[in-house]
Structure formats: C-alpha cells, structure tokens
Protein backbone atom coordinates (compact mmCIF):
# COMPACT_ATOMS: atom_id res chain seq x y z
CA UNK A 1 52.00 40.37 -24.35
CA UNK A 2 52.88 39.06 -20.93
CA UNK A 3 53.16 35.29 -20.37
CA UNK A 4 49.42 35.22 -19.12
CA UNK A 5 48.23 37.07 -21.80
CA UNK A 6 49.86 34.73 -24.05
CA UNK A 7 48.33 31.64 -22.39
CA UNK A 8 44.90 32.74 -22.33
CA UNK A 9 45.21 34.10 -26.13
CA UNK A 10 46.37 30.22 -26.98
CA UNK A 11 43.51 28.80 -24.89
CA UNK A 12 41.32 30.61 -27.26
CA UNK A 13 42.59 30.90 -30.36
CA UNK A 14 40.22 29.63 -33.35
CA UNK A 15 36.87 30.96 -31.47
CA UNK A 16 37.11 34.73 -31.69
CA UNK A 17 33.37 34.96 -30.68
CA UNK A 18 34.42 34.52 -27.34
CA UNK A 19 35.98 37.72 -27.27
CA UNK A 20 33.44 39.45 -29.11
CA UNK A 21 30.42 37.59 -27.11
CA UNK A 22 31.78 38.42 -23.51
CA UNK A 23 30.22 36.18 -20.74
CA UNK A 24 29.58 36.97 -17.56
CA UNK A 25 30.78 33.62 -15.40
CA UNK A 26 29.32 34.04 -11.77
CA UNK A 27 31.77 31.79 -9.13
CA UNK A 28 31.20 31.02 -5.82
CA UNK A 29 34.25 30.75 -4.24
CA UNK A 30 34.82 29.62 -0.23
CA UNK A 31 38.00 32.22 1.55
CA UNK A 32 41.11 29.89 1.19
CA UNK A 33 41.16 30.36 -2.87
CA UNK A 34 39.86 33.95 -2.68
CA UNK A 35 42.92 35.81 -2.77
CA UNK A 36 44.17 33.82 -5.79
CA UNK A 37 41.38 34.72 -7.71
CA UNK A 38 41.35 37.87 -6.49
CA UNK A 39 44.31 38.56 -8.12
CA UNK A 40 44.02 36.68 -11.41
CA UNK A 41 40.65 37.60 -12.10
CA UNK A 42 41.03 40.88 -13.69
CA UNK A 43 44.22 39.61 -15.60
CA UNK A 44 41.66 36.82 -16.94
CA UNK A 45 39.14 39.62 -18.05
CA UNK A 46 41.30 41.91 -19.37
CA UNK A 47 42.85 38.90 -21.92
CA UNK A 48 38.98 37.81 -22.87
CA UNK A 49 36.56 40.46 -22.30
CA UNK A 50 34.78 38.37 -19.73
CA UNK A 51 33.62 39.41 -16.38
CA UNK A 52 34.05 37.30 -13.28
CA UNK A 53 31.35 38.09 -10.80
CA UNK A 54 32.27 36.60 -7.54
CA UNK A 55 30.31 35.06 -4.41
CA UNK A 56 31.93 34.36 -1.47
CA UNK A 57 30.97 32.15 1.17
CA UNK A 58 31.66 28.83 3.30
CA UNK A 59 32.21 25.46 1.64
CA UNK A 60 30.28 23.42 4.37
CA UNK A 61 27.48 24.51 7.02
CA UNK A 62 24.28 25.63 6.86
CA UNK A 63 24.62 29.60 7.20
CA UNK A 64 22.56 31.48 4.01
CA UNK A 65 26.25 32.16 2.47
CA UNK A 66 27.23 28.55 2.74
CA UNK A 67 27.61 27.20 -1.28
CA UNK A 68 25.85 24.29 -0.87
CA UNK A 69 22.74 26.14 0.68
CA UNK A 70 23.46 28.74 -1.76
CA UNK A 71 23.07 25.96 -4.69
CA UNK A 72 19.91 23.98 -2.64
CA UNK A 73 17.71 26.61 -2.71
CA UNK A 74 18.49 27.66 -6.54
CA UNK A 75 21.03 30.33 -6.67
CA UNK A 76 22.68 30.51 -9.96
CA UNK A 77 26.43 29.99 -10.54
CA UNK A 78 28.77 29.08 -13.41
CA UNK A 79 31.35 27.77 -11.45
CA UNK A 80 32.29 26.53 -7.68
CA UNK A 81 35.56 26.58 -5.79
CA UNK A 82 35.87 25.26 -2.17
CA UNK A 83 37.42 22.31 -0.26
CA UNK A 84 37.85 19.49 -2.05
CA UNK A 85 36.07 17.12 0.14
CA UNK A 86 32.67 19.62 0.35
CA UNK A 87 32.91 19.60 -3.44
CA UNK A 88 32.75 15.79 -3.67
CA UNK A 89 29.18 15.93 -1.96
CA UNK A 90 28.07 18.09 -4.56
CA UNK A 91 28.94 16.28 -7.24
CA UNK A 92 27.45 13.35 -5.49
CA UNK A 93 24.14 15.82 -5.05
CA UNK A 94 24.03 16.22 -8.83
CA UNK A 95 25.19 19.95 -8.58
CA UNK A 96 28.63 19.43 -10.38
CA UNK A 97 28.22 18.83 -14.21
CA UNK A 98 30.26 15.58 -14.99
CA UNK A 99 34.58 15.48 -15.13
CA UNK A 100 34.52 19.22 -14.62
CA UNK A 101 36.45 18.65 -11.00
CA UNK A 102 39.75 21.03 -11.85
CA UNK A 103 42.54 20.32 -9.19
CA UNK A 104 43.70 23.58 -8.10
CA UNK A 105 46.20 23.94 -4.67
CA UNK A 106 46.25 22.77 -1.29
CA UNK A 107 46.26 25.16 1.78
CA UNK A 108 48.36 24.69 5.01
CA UNK A 109 47.69 26.05 8.67
CA UNK A 110 49.24 28.92 9.76
CA UNK A 111 49.12 31.52 13.18
CA UNK A 112 49.29 35.38 13.27
CA UNK A 113 49.79 37.34 16.19
CA UNK A 114 48.78 41.71 16.61
CA UNK A 115 51.02 43.56 14.71
CA UNK A 116 53.91 44.66 16.66
CA UNK A 117 53.89 41.55 19.10
CA UNK A 118 56.42 39.42 19.57
CA UNK A 119 56.36 36.39 17.47
CA UNK A 120 56.48 33.41 19.22
CA UNK A 121 58.09 30.11 18.32
CA UNK A 122 55.86 27.73 16.82
CA UNK A 123 58.84 25.95 14.40
CA UNK A 124 58.73 22.43 16.39
CA UNK A 125 55.82 20.45 18.01
CA UNK A 126 57.04 21.31 21.45
CA UNK A 127 57.33 24.86 20.58
CA UNK A 128 53.62 24.92 19.11
CA UNK A 129 52.60 23.08 22.19
CA UNK A 130 54.26 25.77 24.47
CA UNK A 131 53.08 29.13 22.33
CA UNK A 132 49.67 27.61 23.24
CA UNK A 133 50.10 26.93 26.87
CA UNK A 134 50.85 30.50 27.52
CA UNK A 135 48.80 31.90 24.87
CA UNK A 136 46.38 34.29 26.84
CA UNK A 137 43.66 33.26 24.10
CA UNK A 138 43.32 31.28 20.61
CA UNK A 139 41.09 31.83 17.94
CA UNK A 140 40.54 29.33 15.15
CA UNK A 141 38.31 29.28 11.90
CA UNK A 142 34.58 27.57 11.06
CA UNK A 143 36.53 25.99 8.11
CA UNK A 144 37.67 22.78 7.83
CA UNK A 145 41.68 23.71 8.75
CA UNK A 146 39.65 25.16 12.42
CA UNK A 147 37.90 22.20 13.18
CA UNK A 148 41.06 20.24 12.61
CA UNK A 149 42.21 22.68 15.26
CA UNK A 150 39.79 21.84 17.73
CA UNK A 151 39.19 18.16 17.13
CA UNK A 152 42.53 16.98 15.99
CA UNK A 153 45.52 19.44 16.71
CA UNK A 154 44.86 19.97 20.80
CA UNK A 155 44.35 16.36 21.39
CA UNK A 156 47.67 15.93 19.64
CA UNK A 157 49.09 17.88 21.66
CA UNK A 158 47.99 16.63 24.66
CA UNK A 159 46.76 19.70 25.69
CA UNK A 160 42.86 19.77 24.88
CA UNK A 161 41.63 20.10 28.64
CA UNK A 162 44.07 23.46 28.99
CA UNK A 163 43.10 25.44 26.23
CA UNK A 164 39.56 24.60 26.26
CA UNK A 165 38.17 27.73 28.09
CA UNK A 166 40.81 30.14 26.11
CA UNK A 167 39.73 28.70 22.88
CA UNK A 168 37.15 29.79 21.01
CA UNK A 169 36.09 28.78 17.03
CA UNK A 170 35.29 32.51 15.07
CA UNK A 171 32.49 32.05 12.97
CA UNK A 172 32.02 34.00 9.50
CA UNK A 173 34.76 36.44 9.44
CA UNK A 174 38.43 36.14 9.26
CA UNK A 175 40.45 34.46 12.25
CA UNK A 176 43.27 37.45 11.92
CA UNK A 177 40.88 39.84 11.73
CA UNK A 178 39.84 39.31 15.83
CA UNK A 179 43.42 39.10 16.91
CA UNK A 180 44.19 42.50 14.60
CA UNK A 181 41.50 44.15 17.24
CA UNK A 182 43.28 42.81 19.90
CA UNK A 183 40.80 40.23 21.29
CA UNK A 184 42.69 37.47 20.99
CA UNK A 185 46.41 36.64 21.34
CA UNK A 186 47.33 34.20 18.49
CA UNK A 187 44.93 32.95 15.80
CA UNK A 188 44.91 30.24 13.31
CA UNK A 189 43.72 29.66 9.81
CA UNK A 190 44.72 28.84 6.63
CA UNK A 191 48.00 30.93 5.80
CA UNK A 192 45.84 32.26 2.62
CA UNK A 193 43.24 33.82 5.00
CA UNK A 194 45.43 34.87 7.54
CA UNK A 195 48.10 36.95 4.86
CA UNK A 196 45.21 39.52 3.78
CA UNK A 197 44.39 40.89 6.93
CA UNK A 198 46.13 43.86 7.95
CA UNK A 199 46.79 44.88 11.88
CA UNK A 200 47.43 41.08 12.05
CA UNK A 201 51.09 39.76 11.64
CA UNK A 202 52.03 36.64 10.27
CA UNK A 203 54.07 33.84 12.22
CA UNK A 204 54.25 30.96 10.36
CA UNK A 205 52.55 27.60 9.31
CA UNK A 206 52.76 24.88 12.32
CA UNK A 207 55.22 21.86 11.83
CA UNK A 208 54.47 19.76 8.60
CA UNK A 209 53.94 16.75 11.59
CA UNK A 210 50.96 18.23 13.06
CA UNK A 211 49.58 20.13 9.64
CA UNK A 212 46.20 19.53 8.13
CA UNK A 213 46.34 20.28 4.35
CA UNK A 214 43.37 21.36 2.32
CA UNK A 215 42.77 20.51 -1.34
CA UNK A 216 41.10 23.27 -3.08
CA UNK A 217 39.14 22.39 -6.60
CA UNK A 218 36.68 23.95 -8.86
CA UNK A 219 34.13 22.97 -11.04
CA UNK A 220 31.28 23.82 -13.64
CA UNK A 221 27.98 24.10 -11.74
CA UNK A 222 25.42 21.62 -13.49
CA UNK A 223 22.62 23.40 -15.30
CA UNK A 224 24.58 26.04 -15.99
CA UNK A 225 24.13 28.26 -19.54
CA UNK A 226 28.18 29.35 -19.68
CA UNK A 227 29.72 25.65 -18.69
CA UNK A 228 32.23 25.88 -20.99
CA UNK A 229 33.51 29.64 -19.93
CA UNK A 230 33.66 28.25 -16.43
CA UNK A 231 35.46 25.45 -17.45
CA UNK A 232 38.05 27.69 -19.56
CA UNK A 233 38.55 30.06 -16.18
CA UNK A 234 38.94 26.71 -14.05
CA UNK A 235 41.70 25.62 -16.70
CA UNK A 236 43.35 29.07 -16.63
CA UNK A 237 43.50 28.99 -12.64
CA UNK A 238 45.15 25.40 -13.14
CA UNK A 239 48.09 26.79 -15.42
CA UNK A 240 51.43 26.47 -14.80
CA UNK A 241 51.79 29.87 -15.76
CA UNK A 242 49.75 31.06 -12.81
CA UNK A 243 51.27 29.22 -10.24
CA UNK A 244 53.83 31.72 -9.17
CA UNK A 245 50.97 34.42 -8.22
CA UNK A 246 49.02 31.40 -6.29
CA UNK A 247 51.61 31.27 -4.07
CA UNK A 248 52.20 34.45 -3.12
CA UNK A 249 48.65 34.50 -1.73
CA UNK A 250 49.87 31.24 0.35
CA UNK A 251 48.54 28.72 -0.95
CA UNK A 252 51.19 25.99 -2.61
CA UNK A 253 51.53 24.03 -5.74
CA UNK A 254 49.88 20.68 -6.32
CA UNK A 255 52.39 17.79 -5.71
CA UNK A 256 52.39 14.26 -5.90
CA UNK A 257 53.72 13.85 -2.09
CA UNK A 258 51.27 16.22 -0.43
CA UNK A 259 49.42 15.03 2.41
CA UNK A 260 45.35 15.92 1.28
CA UNK A 261 42.23 16.31 3.28
CA UNK A 262 39.60 15.38 0.27
C-alpha cells in the first residue's frame, strides 16, 4: 500500500460504508489548481471508491462558465476550488458551507515562449523589462494573474505606454496555447496553467520583487448533499502526502512568509 492509499485508508477508518456507498463528488474548479486535481483525483477515486466529477470555470467574471455565475444560476456542486479572494465573496454570499474553507496552494506567475524559440532572460527586473520591450507581442490571462500584469506589472516596470499596443488579454483559453500557435511571442499566466500546454516552452517565473502570488483554496458548497465527502476530498488535497505531486504541477507549498493575494 503506497503512502497516498494509506493516508486515505486511515482517514476513512471506522466508516467502511463510505467505500461501499460510493459518492460522486462534483467539483467546480478554476485553472490554477486543475492540473493538480487531474493528477490526484484518480488516486483518490481508487482509494475511496468515490468518483470526482470536475467542472472547469474561471474564479471570477460574468461568463457563463464562471464559478460564481454557475452557482448563482443553481448549478449543483459539492465543492469549489478557486482563487482565495473569489472564494471569500462566495462565502459572504452564503454559497459556502461554514468552516469548510481549506487552504491548498499558492501560485506564481511565469512566462512561456514558442517551443524551440530562444529563451529570453527574465531573471531580474531589468532583464524582464528589456525582454518585454523587445518582444514582438505579449499575451496575458483574463484571470487574477493577468489583471495584475495589465494593471500593475507593466506600470511597475515603467513600460505601460510602450507595450500597450502589443499586449493583449486572452480570454477563456490558456495563454500558452496562443504562444504555441505563434500568435504571440511571449505569454504570462500562473505557472501551473502554463506547464501542461504542448508547443510552448516554460522560461521561468518573474522576479520575486514584482511577483504576484495567488492563493488557491477549496470549500464545500452550502446546500450540497455531499458536504462531508467534499470536506474529505479537500482534506486529502491539503494533506502532506500529496504536496510533492502538487509542486510538480508548478504550484507552491504554503508557507507563512509567502505574500499571498486574497
């Protein structure tokens, strides 16, 4: 029995009916933690007998796919995993079960170029500035990280006016996908959303002094018939035994010193 299976077995000990009466747990999730859940859900399913049904959507915005809109329109879910401050708003709106919030991981911004292209230097603030000024075109996401790039990063670097005409927000699809197609020279998004895309090559994270850290957290949905199951899944995702897998997807283990965007 591996460590992951052992953890779940211990967590479920004393209630064998949980594996007999398997549950489908519906999780609405935004992009940053998706790669981690994709890796861990099959292991959880194998250990518990439960099924994890995943529905993707952004943490914010008014699109029909956005998690807040899905919940407002009455779409059923047992758990949500999303940007921390967006989860706060759902909690204030009464959409989240009390005391069910579970902190999961932090996510930092990185950059990609087309596969095979020369990797520019972004190791220092000045190098990042020079790279952006010389880039043919710049893509960034429509999520929290992209809004930071648009409203804060360019200004902090003193290049907002210079890059205005060649920088574009990419809606609904992964930024790395448009870089992979050659539509843009460089792309910025949370690292965990850049790494899974074929055809784009990861350059690195932007310097820590101009970095933006996004907290991802989960919670059980108020009114769900499977709140206990949702809480167990979230507890599993926050457990020490799975942190190495989570880090492999580009996310960061939680630390007390991390500058976290809520």
